[in-house]
Amino acid sequence: VASHGWVHLAPWRWEPESGRLARAERIGGGVGTVTVAQHDPTHLVVQW
């Protein structure tokens, strides 16, 4: 996330305290939110 400034451009949202990266996505004509976090470097937890 810190690799460059993209995370500061909409629709990205970064919550450094919780380590959650989220953004609005359009999939199949609908708009929802996708969020990714991790508890360790070999696993990502994806929620929507």
All heavy atoms as atom14 arrays in JSON, in Angstrom:
{
  "sequence": "VASHGWVHLAPWRWEPESGRLARAERIGGGVGTVTVAQHDPTHLVVQW",
  "atom14_mask": [
    [1, 1, 1, 1, 1, 1, 1, 0, 0, 0, 0, 0, 0, 0],
    [1, 1, 1, 1, 1, 0, 0, 0, 0, 0, 0, 0, 0, 0],
    [1, 1, 1, 1, 1, 1, 0, 0, 0, 0, 0, 0, 0, 0],
    [1, 1, 1, 1, 1, 1, 1, 1, 1, 1, 0, 0, 0, 0],
    [1, 1, 1, 1, 0, 0, 0, 0, 0, 0, 0, 0, 0, 0],
    [1, 1, 1, 1, 1, 1, 1, 1, 1, 1, 1, 1, 1, 1],
    [1, 1, 1, 1, 1, 1, 1, 0, 0, 0, 0, 0, 0, 0],
    [1, 1, 1, 1, 1, 1, 1, 1, 1, 1, 0, 0, 0, 0],
    [1, 1, 1, 1, 1, 1, 1, 1, 0, 0, 0, 0, 0, 0],
    [1, 1, 1, 1, 1, 0, 0, 0, 0, 0, 0, 0, 0, 0],
    [1, 1, 1, 1, 1, 1, 1, 0, 0, 0, 0, 0, 0, 0],
    [1, 1, 1, 1, 1, 1, 1, 1, 1, 1, 1, 1, 1, 1],
    [1, 1, 1, 1, 1, 1, 1, 1, 1, 1, 1, 0, 0, 0],
    [1, 1, 1, 1, 1, 1, 1, 1, 1, 1, 1, 1, 1, 1],
    [1, 1, 1, 1, 1, 1, 1, 1, 1, 0, 0, 0, 0, 0],
    [1, 1, 1, 1, 1, 1, 1, 0, 0, 0, 0, 0, 0, 0],
    [1, 1, 1, 1, 1, 1, 1, 1, 1, 0, 0, 0, 0, 0],
    [1, 1, 1, 1, 1, 1, 0, 0, 0, 0, 0, 0, 0, 0],
    [1, 1, 1, 1, 0, 0, 0, 0, 0, 0, 0, 0, 0, 0],
    [1, 1, 1, 1, 1, 1, 1, 1, 1, 1, 1, 0, 0, 0],
    [1, 1, 1, 1, 1, 1, 1, 1, 0, 0, 0, 0, 0, 0],
    [1, 1, 1, 1, 1, 0, 0, 0, 0, 0, 0, 0, 0, 0],
    [1, 1, 1, 1, 1, 1, 1, 1, 1, 1, 1, 0, 0, 0],
    [1, 1, 1, 1, 1, 0, 0, 0, 0, 0, 0, 0, 0, 0],
    [1, 1, 1, 1, 1, 1, 1, 1, 1, 0, 0, 0, 0, 0],
    [1, 1, 1, 1, 1, 1, 1, 1, 1, 1, 1, 0, 0, 0],
    [1, 1, 1, 1, 1, 1, 1, 1, 0, 0, 0, 0, 0, 0],
    [1, 1, 1, 1, 0, 0, 0, 0, 0, 0, 0, 0, 0, 0],
    [1, 1, 1, 1, 0, 0, 0, 0, 0, 0, 0, 0, 0, 0],
    [1, 1, 1, 1, 0, 0, 0, 0, 0, 0, 0, 0, 0, 0],
    [1, 1, 1, 1, 1, 1, 1, 0, 0, 0, 0, 0, 0, 0],
    [1, 1, 1, 1, 0, 0, 0, 0, 0, 0, 0, 0, 0, 0],
    [1, 1, 1, 1, 1, 1, 1, 0, 0, 0, 0, 0, 0, 0],
    [1, 1, 1, 1, 1, 1, 1, 0, 0, 0, 0, 0, 0, 0],
    [1, 1, 1, 1, 1, 1, 1, 0, 0, 0, 0, 0, 0, 0],
    [1, 1, 1, 1, 1, 1, 1, 0, 0, 0, 0, 0, 0, 0],
    [1, 1, 1, 1, 1, 0, 0, 0, 0, 0, 0, 0, 0, 0],
    [1, 1, 1, 1, 1, 1, 1, 1, 1, 0, 0, 0, 0, 0],
    [1, 1, 1, 1, 1, 1, 1, 1, 1, 1, 0, 0, 0, 0],
    [1, 1, 1, 1, 1, 1, 1, 1, 0, 0, 0, 0, 0, 0],
    [1, 1, 1, 1, 1, 1, 1, 0, 0, 0, 0, 0, 0, 0],
    [1, 1, 1, 1, 1, 1, 1, 0, 0, 0, 0, 0, 0, 0],
    [1, 1, 1, 1, 1, 1, 1, 1, 1, 1, 0, 0, 0, 0],
    [1, 1, 1, 1, 1, 1, 1, 1, 0, 0, 0, 0, 0, 0],
    [1, 1, 1, 1, 1, 1, 1, 0, 0, 0, 0, 0, 0, 0],
    [1, 1, 1, 1, 1, 1, 1, 0, 0, 0, 0, 0, 0, 0],
    [1, 1, 1, 1, 1, 1, 1, 1, 1, 0, 0, 0, 0, 0],
    [1, 1, 1, 1, 1, 1, 1, 1, 1, 1, 1, 1, 1, 1]
  ],
  "atom14_positions": [
    [[0.84, -1.2, 0.0], [0.0, 0.0, 0.0], [0.87, 1.25, 0.0], [0.57, 2.24, -0.67], [-0.96, -0.01, 1.21], [-1.59, 1.35, 1.43], [-2.04, -1.07, 1.01], [0.0, 0.0, 0.0], [0.0, 0.0, 0.0], [0.0, 0.0, 0.0], [0.0, 0.0, 0.0], [0.0, 0.0, 0.0], [0.0, 0.0, 0.0], [0.0, 0.0, 0.0]],
    [[1.98, 1.22, 0.72], [2.87, 2.38, 0.83], [3.84, 2.51, -0.35], [4.63, 3.44, -0.38], [3.67, 2.28, 2.13], [0.0, 0.0, 0.0], [0.0, 0.0, 0.0], [0.0, 0.0, 0.0], [0.0, 0.0, 0.0], [0.0, 0.0, 0.0], [0.0, 0.0, 0.0], [0.0, 0.0, 0.0], [0.0, 0.0, 0.0], [0.0, 0.0, 0.0]],
    [[3.75, 1.62, -1.33], [4.71, 1.61, -2.43], [4.67, 2.88, -3.28], [5.66, 3.26, -3.87], [4.51, 0.38, -3.31], [3.22, 0.39, -3.91], [0.0, 0.0, 0.0], [0.0, 0.0, 0.0], [0.0, 0.0, 0.0], [0.0, 0.0, 0.0], [0.0, 0.0, 0.0], [0.0, 0.0, 0.0], [0.0, 0.0, 0.0], [0.0, 0.0, 0.0]],
    [[3.53, 3.52, -3.36], [3.37, 4.79, -4.08], [2.01, 5.38, -3.68], [1.32, 4.84, -2.84], [3.53, 4.62, -5.6], [2.52, 3.71, -6.21], [1.4, 4.18, -6.85], [2.45, 2.36, -6.28], [0.69, 3.17, -7.29], [1.3, 2.05, -6.96], [0.0, 0.0, 0.0], [0.0, 0.0, 0.0], [0.0, 0.0, 0.0], [0.0, 0.0, 0.0]],
    [[1.62, 6.45, -4.31], [0.45, 7.2, -3.86], [-0.9, 6.73, -4.34], [-1.92, 7.33, -4.0], [0.0, 0.0, 0.0], [0.0, 0.0, 0.0], [0.0, 0.0, 0.0], [0.0, 0.0, 0.0], [0.0, 0.0, 0.0], [0.0, 0.0, 0.0], [0.0, 0.0, 0.0], [0.0, 0.0, 0.0], [0.0, 0.0, 0.0], [0.0, 0.0, 0.0]],
    [[-0.97, 5.65, -5.12], [-2.26, 5.19, -5.67], [-3.32, 5.06, -4.58], [-4.49, 5.33, -4.82], [-2.08, 3.86, -6.37], [-2.17, 3.84, -7.87], [-2.67, 2.8, -8.61], [-1.76, 4.82, -8.81], [-2.58, 3.1, -9.96], [-2.03, 4.34, -10.1], [-1.2, 6.09, -8.7], [-1.75, 5.06, -11.26], [-0.91, 6.81, -9.83], [-1.2, 6.29, -11.1]],
    [[-2.94, 4.62, -3.41], [-3.91, 4.36, -2.35], [-4.65, 5.64, -1.93], [-5.71, 5.57, -1.34], [-3.23, 3.68, -1.13], [-2.39, 4.68, -0.34], [-4.25, 2.99, -0.25], [0.0, 0.0, 0.0], [0.0, 0.0, 0.0], [0.0, 0.0, 0.0], [0.0, 0.0, 0.0], [0.0, 0.0, 0.0], [0.0, 0.0, 0.0], [0.0, 0.0, 0.0]],
    [[-4.11, 6.8, -2.29], [-4.75, 8.07, -1.94], [-5.75, 8.52, -3.01], [-6.39, 9.56, -2.86], [-3.7, 9.16, -1.72], [-2.75, 8.82, -0.62], [-3.13, 8.81, 0.71], [-1.45, 8.45, -0.65], [-2.1, 8.45, 1.45], [-1.07, 8.23, 0.66], [0.0, 0.0, 0.0], [0.0, 0.0, 0.0], [0.0, 0.0, 0.0], [0.0, 0.0, 0.0]],
    [[-5.88, 7.74, -4.08], [-6.8, 8.09, -5.15], [-8.08, 7.26, -5.04], [-8.03, 6.04, -4.88], [-6.15, 7.84, -6.52], [-4.88, 8.64, -6.81], [-4.3, 8.25, -8.17], [-5.15, 10.14, -6.74], [0.0, 0.0, 0.0], [0.0, 0.0, 0.0], [0.0, 0.0, 0.0], [0.0, 0.0, 0.0], [0.0, 0.0, 0.0], [0.0, 0.0, 0.0]],
    [[-9.22, 7.95, -5.14], [-10.51, 7.27, -5.08], [-10.56, 6.18, -6.15], [-9.98, 6.34, -7.22], [-11.63, 8.28, -5.3], [0.0, 0.0, 0.0], [0.0, 0.0, 0.0], [0.0, 0.0, 0.0], [0.0, 0.0, 0.0], [0.0, 0.0, 0.0], [0.0, 0.0, 0.0], [0.0, 0.0, 0.0], [0.0, 0.0, 0.0], [0.0, 0.0, 0.0]],
    [[-11.2, 5.08, -5.84], [-12.02, 4.78, -4.68], [-11.3, 4.04, -3.54], [-11.94, 3.45, -2.67], [-13.11, 3.89, -5.28], [-12.42, 3.1, -6.34], [-11.4, 4.06, -6.92], [0.0, 0.0, 0.0], [0.0, 0.0, 0.0], [0.0, 0.0, 0.0], [0.0, 0.0, 0.0], [0.0, 0.0, 0.0], [0.0, 0.0, 0.0], [0.0, 0.0, 0.0]],
    [[-9.95, 4.06, -3.52], [-9.22, 3.37, -2.45], [-9.5, 3.98, -1.08], [-9.66, 5.19, -0.95], [-7.71, 3.46, -2.68], [-7.18, 2.67, -3.84], [-6.7, 3.18, -5.01], [-7.07, 1.26, -3.94], [-6.29, 2.16, -5.82], [-6.52, 0.97, -5.2], [-7.41, 0.21, -3.09], [-6.27, -0.33, -5.63], [-7.16, -1.08, -3.51], [-6.6, -1.34, -4.77]],
    [[-9.49, 3.12, -0.06], [-9.52, 3.55, 1.34], [-8.56, 2.65, 2.12], [-8.67, 1.42, 2.07], [-10.94, 3.4, 1.92], [-11.92, 4.4, 1.35], [-13.27, 4.38, 2.09], [-13.76, 3.08, 2.48], [-14.51, 2.26, 1.73], [-14.82, 2.61, 0.5], [-14.92, 1.1, 2.18], [0.0, 0.0, 0.0], [0.0, 0.0, 0.0], [0.0, 0.0, 0.0]],
    [[-7.62, 3.24, 2.81], [-6.64, 2.5, 3.6], [-6.8, 2.9, 5.05], [-6.81, 4.09, 5.37], [-5.23, 2.8, 3.1], [-4.11, 2.29, 3.95], [-3.16, 3.04, 4.57], [-3.8, 0.93, 4.28], [-2.28, 2.24, 5.25], [-2.65, 0.93, 5.09], [-4.4, -0.3, 3.97], [-2.08, -0.24, 5.59], [-3.82, -1.46, 4.46], [-2.69, -1.43, 5.25]],
    [[-6.96, 1.91, 5.91], [-7.06, 2.14, 7.35], [-5.8, 1.58, 7.99], [-5.73, 0.38, 8.3], [-8.3, 1.43, 7.9], [-9.6, 1.87, 7.26], [-10.76, 0.96, 7.6], [-10.59, 0.0, 8.39], [-11.85, 1.19, 7.05], [0.0, 0.0, 0.0], [0.0, 0.0, 0.0], [0.0, 0.0, 0.0], [0.0, 0.0, 0.0], [0.0, 0.0, 0.0]],
    [[-4.76, 2.41, 8.2], [-3.49, 1.89, 8.72], [-3.62, 1.28, 10.11], [-2.91, 0.33, 10.43], [-2.57, 3.1, 8.73], [-3.41, 4.29, 8.51], [-4.71, 3.84, 7.92], [0.0, 0.0, 0.0], [0.0, 0.0, 0.0], [0.0, 0.0, 0.0], [0.0, 0.0, 0.0], [0.0, 0.0, 0.0], [0.0, 0.0, 0.0], [0.0, 0.0, 0.0]],
    [[-4.52, 1.8, 10.94], [-4.68, 1.25, 12.3], [-5.13, -0.21, 12.27], [-4.65, -1.02, 13.04], [-5.69, 2.08, 13.12], [-5.4, 3.56, 13.2], [-5.83, 4.33, 11.96], [-6.77, 3.92, 11.24], [-5.18, 5.36, 11.69], [0.0, 0.0, 0.0], [0.0, 0.0, 0.0], [0.0, 0.0, 0.0], [0.0, 0.0, 0.0], [0.0, 0.0, 0.0]],
    [[-6.06, -0.52, 11.38], [-6.58, -1.88, 11.3], [-5.89, -2.7, 10.22], [-6.06, -3.91, 10.14], [-8.08, -1.87, 11.03], [-8.34, -1.31, 9.75], [0.0, 0.0, 0.0], [0.0, 0.0, 0.0], [0.0, 0.0, 0.0], [0.0, 0.0, 0.0], [0.0, 0.0, 0.0], [0.0, 0.0, 0.0], [0.0, 0.0, 0.0], [0.0, 0.0, 0.0]],
    [[-5.11, -2.03, 9.35], [-4.44, -2.74, 8.26], [-5.41, -3.22, 7.2], [-5.16, -4.22, 6.55], [0.0, 0.0, 0.0], [0.0, 0.0, 0.0], [0.0, 0.0, 0.0], [0.0, 0.0, 0.0], [0.0, 0.0, 0.0], [0.0, 0.0, 0.0], [0.0, 0.0, 0.0], [0.0, 0.0, 0.0], [0.0, 0.0, 0.0], [0.0, 0.0, 0.0]],
    [[-6.5, -2.49, 6.99], [-7.52, -2.9, 6.02], [-7.48, -1.97, 4.79], [-7.48, -0.76, 4.93], [-8.9, -2.86, 6.65], [-9.07, -3.89, 7.75], [-10.33, -3.63, 8.58], [-11.52, -3.38, 7.8], [-12.46, -4.29, 7.55], [-12.34, -5.5, 8.04], [-13.52, -3.98, 6.84], [0.0, 0.0, 0.0], [0.0, 0.0, 0.0], [0.0, 0.0, 0.0]],
    [[-7.46, -2.6, 3.63], [-7.51, -1.9, 2.35], [-8.86, -2.2, 1.73], [-9.26, -3.36, 1.62], [-6.39, -2.39, 1.43], [-6.32, -1.79, 0.04], [-6.0, -0.29, 0.1], [-5.28, -2.53, -0.8], [0.0, 0.0, 0.0], [0.0, 0.0, 0.0], [0.0, 0.0, 0.0], [0.0, 0.0, 0.0], [0.0, 0.0, 0.0], [0.0, 0.0, 0.0]],
    [[-9.58, -1.15, 1.33], [-10.92, -1.35, 0.77], [-11.13, -0.43, -0.41], [-10.45, 0.59, -0.56], [-11.98, -1.08, 1.83], [0.0, 0.0, 0.0], [0.0, 0.0, 0.0], [0.0, 0.0, 0.0], [0.0, 0.0, 0.0], [0.0, 0.0, 0.0], [0.0, 0.0, 0.0], [0.0, 0.0, 0.0], [0.0, 0.0, 0.0], [0.0, 0.0, 0.0]],
    [[-12.08, -0.8, -1.23], [-12.51, 0.06, -2.34], [-13.84, -0.41, -2.89], [-14.2, -1.57, -2.77], [-11.46, 0.13, -3.45], [-11.13, -1.16, -4.07], [-10.11, -1.03, -5.19], [-10.78, -0.64, -6.41], [-10.28, 0.18, -7.32], [-9.1, 0.71, -7.16], [-10.95, 0.48, -8.41], [0.0, 0.0, 0.0], [0.0, 0.0, 0.0], [0.0, 0.0, 0.0]],
    [[-14.56, 0.54, -3.47], [-15.8, 0.21, -4.17], [-15.43, -0.41, -5.51], [-14.49, 0.01, -6.16], [-16.63, 1.48, -4.38], [0.0, 0.0, 0.0], [0.0, 0.0, 0.0], [0.0, 0.0, 0.0], [0.0, 0.0, 0.0], [0.0, 0.0, 0.0], [0.0, 0.0, 0.0], [0.0, 0.0, 0.0], [0.0, 0.0, 0.0], [0.0, 0.0, 0.0]],
    [[-16.19, -1.43, -5.88], [-15.98, -2.13, -7.14], [-17.3, -2.3, -7.87], [-18.35, -2.43, -7.23], [-15.39, -3.53, -6.88], [-13.95, -3.54, -6.47], [-13.01, -3.14, -7.59], [-13.28, -3.42, -8.77], [-11.97, -2.54, -7.28], [0.0, 0.0, 0.0], [0.0, 0.0, 0.0], [0.0, 0.0, 0.0], [0.0, 0.0, 0.0], [0.0, 0.0, 0.0]],
    [[-17.24, -2.31, -9.18], [-18.4, -2.61, -10.0], [-18.17, -4.0, -10.59], [-17.2, -4.21, -11.32], [-18.57, -1.59, -11.12], [-19.78, -1.84, -12.02], [-19.93, -0.81, -13.12], [-19.63, 0.55, -12.76], [-20.37, 1.34, -11.97], [-21.47, 0.87, -11.44], [-20.01, 2.58, -11.7], [0.0, 0.0, 0.0], [0.0, 0.0, 0.0], [0.0, 0.0, 0.0]],
    [[-19.04, -4.93, -10.24], [-18.94, -6.29, -10.75], [-20.34, -6.7, -11.19], [-21.3, -6.61, -10.41], [-18.4, -7.28, -9.69], [-16.98, -6.88, -9.29], [-18.44, -8.71, -10.22], [-16.39, -7.71, -8.16], [0.0, 0.0, 0.0], [0.0, 0.0, 0.0], [0.0, 0.0, 0.0], [0.0, 0.0, 0.0], [0.0, 0.0, 0.0], [0.0, 0.0, 0.0]],
    [[-20.47, -7.14, -12.43], [-21.75, -7.61, -12.94], [-22.86, -6.56, -12.88], [-24.01, -6.89, -12.65], [0.0, 0.0, 0.0], [0.0, 0.0, 0.0], [0.0, 0.0, 0.0], [0.0, 0.0, 0.0], [0.0, 0.0, 0.0], [0.0, 0.0, 0.0], [0.0, 0.0, 0.0], [0.0, 0.0, 0.0], [0.0, 0.0, 0.0], [0.0, 0.0, 0.0]],
    [[-22.51, -5.31, -13.06], [-23.51, -4.26, -13.05], [-23.82, -3.68, -11.69], [-24.49, -2.66, -11.59], [0.0, 0.0, 0.0], [0.0, 0.0, 0.0], [0.0, 0.0, 0.0], [0.0, 0.0, 0.0], [0.0, 0.0, 0.0], [0.0, 0.0, 0.0], [0.0, 0.0, 0.0], [0.0, 0.0, 0.0], [0.0, 0.0, 0.0], [0.0, 0.0, 0.0]],
    [[-23.38, -4.33, -10.62], [-23.63, -3.83, -9.26], [-22.37, -3.25, -8.64], [-21.26, -3.59, -9.03], [0.0, 0.0, 0.0], [0.0, 0.0, 0.0], [0.0, 0.0, 0.0], [0.0, 0.0, 0.0], [0.0, 0.0, 0.0], [0.0, 0.0, 0.0], [0.0, 0.0, 0.0], [0.0, 0.0, 0.0], [0.0, 0.0, 0.0], [0.0, 0.0, 0.0]],
    [[-22.57, -2.35, -7.69], [-21.45, -1.76, -6.98], [-21.48, -2.23, -5.54], [-22.53, -2.22, -4.89], [-21.5, -0.2, -7.03], [-20.39, 0.41, -6.18], [-21.4, 0.28, -8.46], [0.0, 0.0, 0.0], [0.0, 0.0, 0.0], [0.0, 0.0, 0.0], [0.0, 0.0, 0.0], [0.0, 0.0, 0.0], [0.0, 0.0, 0.0], [0.0, 0.0, 0.0]],
    [[-20.35, -2.68, -5.06], [-20.2, -3.13, -3.67], [-18.81, -2.76, -3.18], [-18.07, -2.04, -3.85], [0.0, 0.0, 0.0], [0.0, 0.0, 0.0], [0.0, 0.0, 0.0], [0.0, 0.0, 0.0], [0.0, 0.0, 0.0], [0.0, 0.0, 0.0], [0.0, 0.0, 0.0], [0.0, 0.0, 0.0], [0.0, 0.0, 0.0], [0.0, 0.0, 0.0]],
    [[-18.47, -3.25, -2.01], [-17.17, -2.96, -1.42], [-16.39, -4.25, -1.24], [-16.94, -5.26, -0.81], [-17.35, -2.27, -0.05], [-18.11, -1.08, -0.24], [-16.02, -1.92, 0.58], [0.0, 0.0, 0.0], [0.0, 0.0, 0.0], [0.0, 0.0, 0.0], [0.0, 0.0, 0.0], [0.0, 0.0, 0.0], [0.0, 0.0, 0.0], [0.0, 0.0, 0.0]],
    [[-15.11, -4.19, -1.57], [-14.19, -5.31, -1.35], [-13.11, -4.82, -0.39], [-12.56, -3.74, -0.57], [-13.57, -5.8, -2.67], [-12.57, -6.93, -2.41], [-14.65, -6.25, -3.65], [0.0, 0.0, 0.0], [0.0, 0.0, 0.0], [0.0, 0.0, 0.0], [0.0, 0.0, 0.0], [0.0, 0.0, 0.0], [0.0, 0.0, 0.0], [0.0, 0.0, 0.0]],
    [[-12.82, -5.63, 0.62], [-11.84, -5.3, 1.64], [-10.84, -6.43, 1.77], [-11.22, -7.61, 1.73], [-12.53, -5.07, 3.0], [-13.53, -4.08, 2.85], [-11.54, -4.63, 4.06], [0.0, 0.0, 0.0], [0.0, 0.0, 0.0], [0.0, 0.0, 0.0], [0.0, 0.0, 0.0], [0.0, 0.0, 0.0], [0.0, 0.0, 0.0], [0.0, 0.0, 0.0]],
    [[-9.57, -6.08, 1.94], [-8.54, -7.09, 2.16], [-7.72, -6.69, 3.38], [-7.47, -5.52, 3.63], [-7.64, -7.28, 0.9], [-6.89, -6.03, 0.56], [-6.68, -8.44, 1.08], [0.0, 0.0, 0.0], [0.0, 0.0, 0.0], [0.0, 0.0, 0.0], [0.0, 0.0, 0.0], [0.0, 0.0, 0.0], [0.0, 0.0, 0.0], [0.0, 0.0, 0.0]],
    [[-7.37, -7.69, 4.17], [-6.52, -7.51, 5.35], [-5.65, -8.75, 5.46], [-5.82, -9.7, 4.7], [-7.38, -7.32, 6.6], [0.0, 0.0, 0.0], [0.0, 0.0, 0.0], [0.0, 0.0, 0.0], [0.0, 0.0, 0.0], [0.0, 0.0, 0.0], [0.0, 0.0, 0.0], [0.0, 0.0, 0.0], [0.0, 0.0, 0.0], [0.0, 0.0, 0.0]],
    [[-4.74, -8.75, 6.42], [-3.95, -9.95, 6.62], [-3.52, -10.07, 8.07], [-3.37, -9.07, 8.77], [-2.76, -10.03, 5.67], [-1.66, -9.05, 5.91], [-0.52, -9.19, 4.9], [0.21, -8.27, 4.74], [-0.35, -10.31, 4.23], [0.0, 0.0, 0.0], [0.0, 0.0, 0.0], [0.0, 0.0, 0.0], [0.0, 0.0, 0.0], [0.0, 0.0, 0.0]],
    [[-3.37, -11.33, 8.49], [-2.91, -11.61, 9.85], [-1.45, -12.03, 9.85], [-0.78, -11.97, 10.87], [-3.78, -12.69, 10.49], [-5.23, -12.31, 10.52], [-5.72, -11.25, 11.25], [-6.3, -12.83, 9.88], [-7.02, -11.14, 11.08], [-7.39, -12.08, 10.24], [0.0, 0.0, 0.0], [0.0, 0.0, 0.0], [0.0, 0.0, 0.0], [0.0, 0.0, 0.0]],
    [[-0.99, -12.51, 8.67], [0.42, -12.86, 8.51], [0.76, -12.76, 7.03], [-0.14, -12.68, 6.2], [0.71, -14.27, 9.07], [0.02, -15.36, 8.29], [0.44, -15.62, 7.14], [-0.95, -15.95, 8.8], [0.0, 0.0, 0.0], [0.0, 0.0, 0.0], [0.0, 0.0, 0.0], [0.0, 0.0, 0.0], [0.0, 0.0, 0.0], [0.0, 0.0, 0.0]],
    [[2.03, -12.72, 6.67], [2.43, -12.47, 5.27], [2.05, -13.55, 4.26], [2.19, -13.33, 3.07], [3.95, -12.32, 5.34], [4.27, -12.04, 6.76], [3.19, -12.69, 7.56], [0.0, 0.0, 0.0], [0.0, 0.0, 0.0], [0.0, 0.0, 0.0], [0.0, 0.0, 0.0], [0.0, 0.0, 0.0], [0.0, 0.0, 0.0], [0.0, 0.0, 0.0]],
    [[1.59, -14.7, 4.7], [1.25, -15.75, 3.74], [-0.25, -15.95, 3.58], [-0.67, -16.87, 2.89], [1.9, -17.1, 4.15], [1.42, -17.47, 5.44], [3.41, -17.0, 4.14], [0.0, 0.0, 0.0], [0.0, 0.0, 0.0], [0.0, 0.0, 0.0], [0.0, 0.0, 0.0], [0.0, 0.0, 0.0], [0.0, 0.0, 0.0], [0.0, 0.0, 0.0]],
    [[-1.04, -15.08, 4.18], [-2.5, -15.19, 4.06], [-3.13, -13.8, 3.89], [-2.71, -12.85, 4.56], [-3.1, -15.85, 5.29], [-2.7, -17.27, 5.45], [-1.54, -17.64, 6.11], [-3.27, -18.41, 5.03], [-1.42, -18.95, 6.08], [-2.46, -19.45, 5.43], [0.0, 0.0, 0.0], [0.0, 0.0, 0.0], [0.0, 0.0, 0.0], [0.0, 0.0, 0.0]],
    [[-4.12, -13.71, 3.03], [-4.92, -12.51, 2.88], [-6.36, -12.88, 3.24], [-6.84, -13.94, 2.86], [-4.88, -11.99, 1.44], [-3.52, -11.56, 0.92], [-3.6, -11.29, -0.58], [-3.04, -10.32, 1.66], [0.0, 0.0, 0.0], [0.0, 0.0, 0.0], [0.0, 0.0, 0.0], [0.0, 0.0, 0.0], [0.0, 0.0, 0.0], [0.0, 0.0, 0.0]],
    [[-7.03, -12.0, 3.93], [-8.44, -12.2, 4.25], [-9.22, -11.2, 3.41], [-9.02, -9.99, 3.53], [-8.71, -12.0, 5.75], [-10.19, -12.15, 6.05], [-7.88, -12.95, 6.59], [0.0, 0.0, 0.0], [0.0, 0.0, 0.0], [0.0, 0.0, 0.0], [0.0, 0.0, 0.0], [0.0, 0.0, 0.0], [0.0, 0.0, 0.0], [0.0, 0.0, 0.0]],
    [[-10.09, -11.71, 2.55], [-10.86, -10.88, 1.64], [-12.33, -10.93, 2.06], [-12.88, -12.01, 2.25], [-10.71, -11.36, 0.18], [-11.5, -10.47, -0.77], [-9.24, -11.44, -0.22], [0.0, 0.0, 0.0], [0.0, 0.0, 0.0], [0.0, 0.0, 0.0], [0.0, 0.0, 0.0], [0.0, 0.0, 0.0], [0.0, 0.0, 0.0], [0.0, 0.0, 0.0]],
    [[-12.92, -9.76, 2.2], [-14.34, -9.66, 2.55], [-15.02, -8.77, 1.53], [-14.37, -7.93, 0.89], [-14.52, -9.08, 3.95], [-13.92, -9.97, 5.03], [-14.06, -9.34, 6.4], [-13.56, -8.24, 6.63], [-14.73, -10.03, 7.3], [0.0, 0.0, 0.0], [0.0, 0.0, 0.0], [0.0, 0.0, 0.0], [0.0, 0.0, 0.0], [0.0, 0.0, 0.0]],
    [[-16.33, -8.92, 1.39], [-17.07, -8.09, 0.45], [-18.46, -7.85, 0.96], [-18.99, -8.59, 1.79], [-17.1, -8.75, -0.94], [-17.61, -10.15, -0.9], [-18.91, -10.56, -1.01], [-16.84, -11.34, -0.73], [-19.0, -11.93, -0.91], [-17.73, -12.43, -0.74], [-15.47, -11.58, -0.57], [-17.29, -13.74, -0.6], [-15.06, -12.89, -0.43], [-15.96, -13.95, -0.45]]
  ]
}
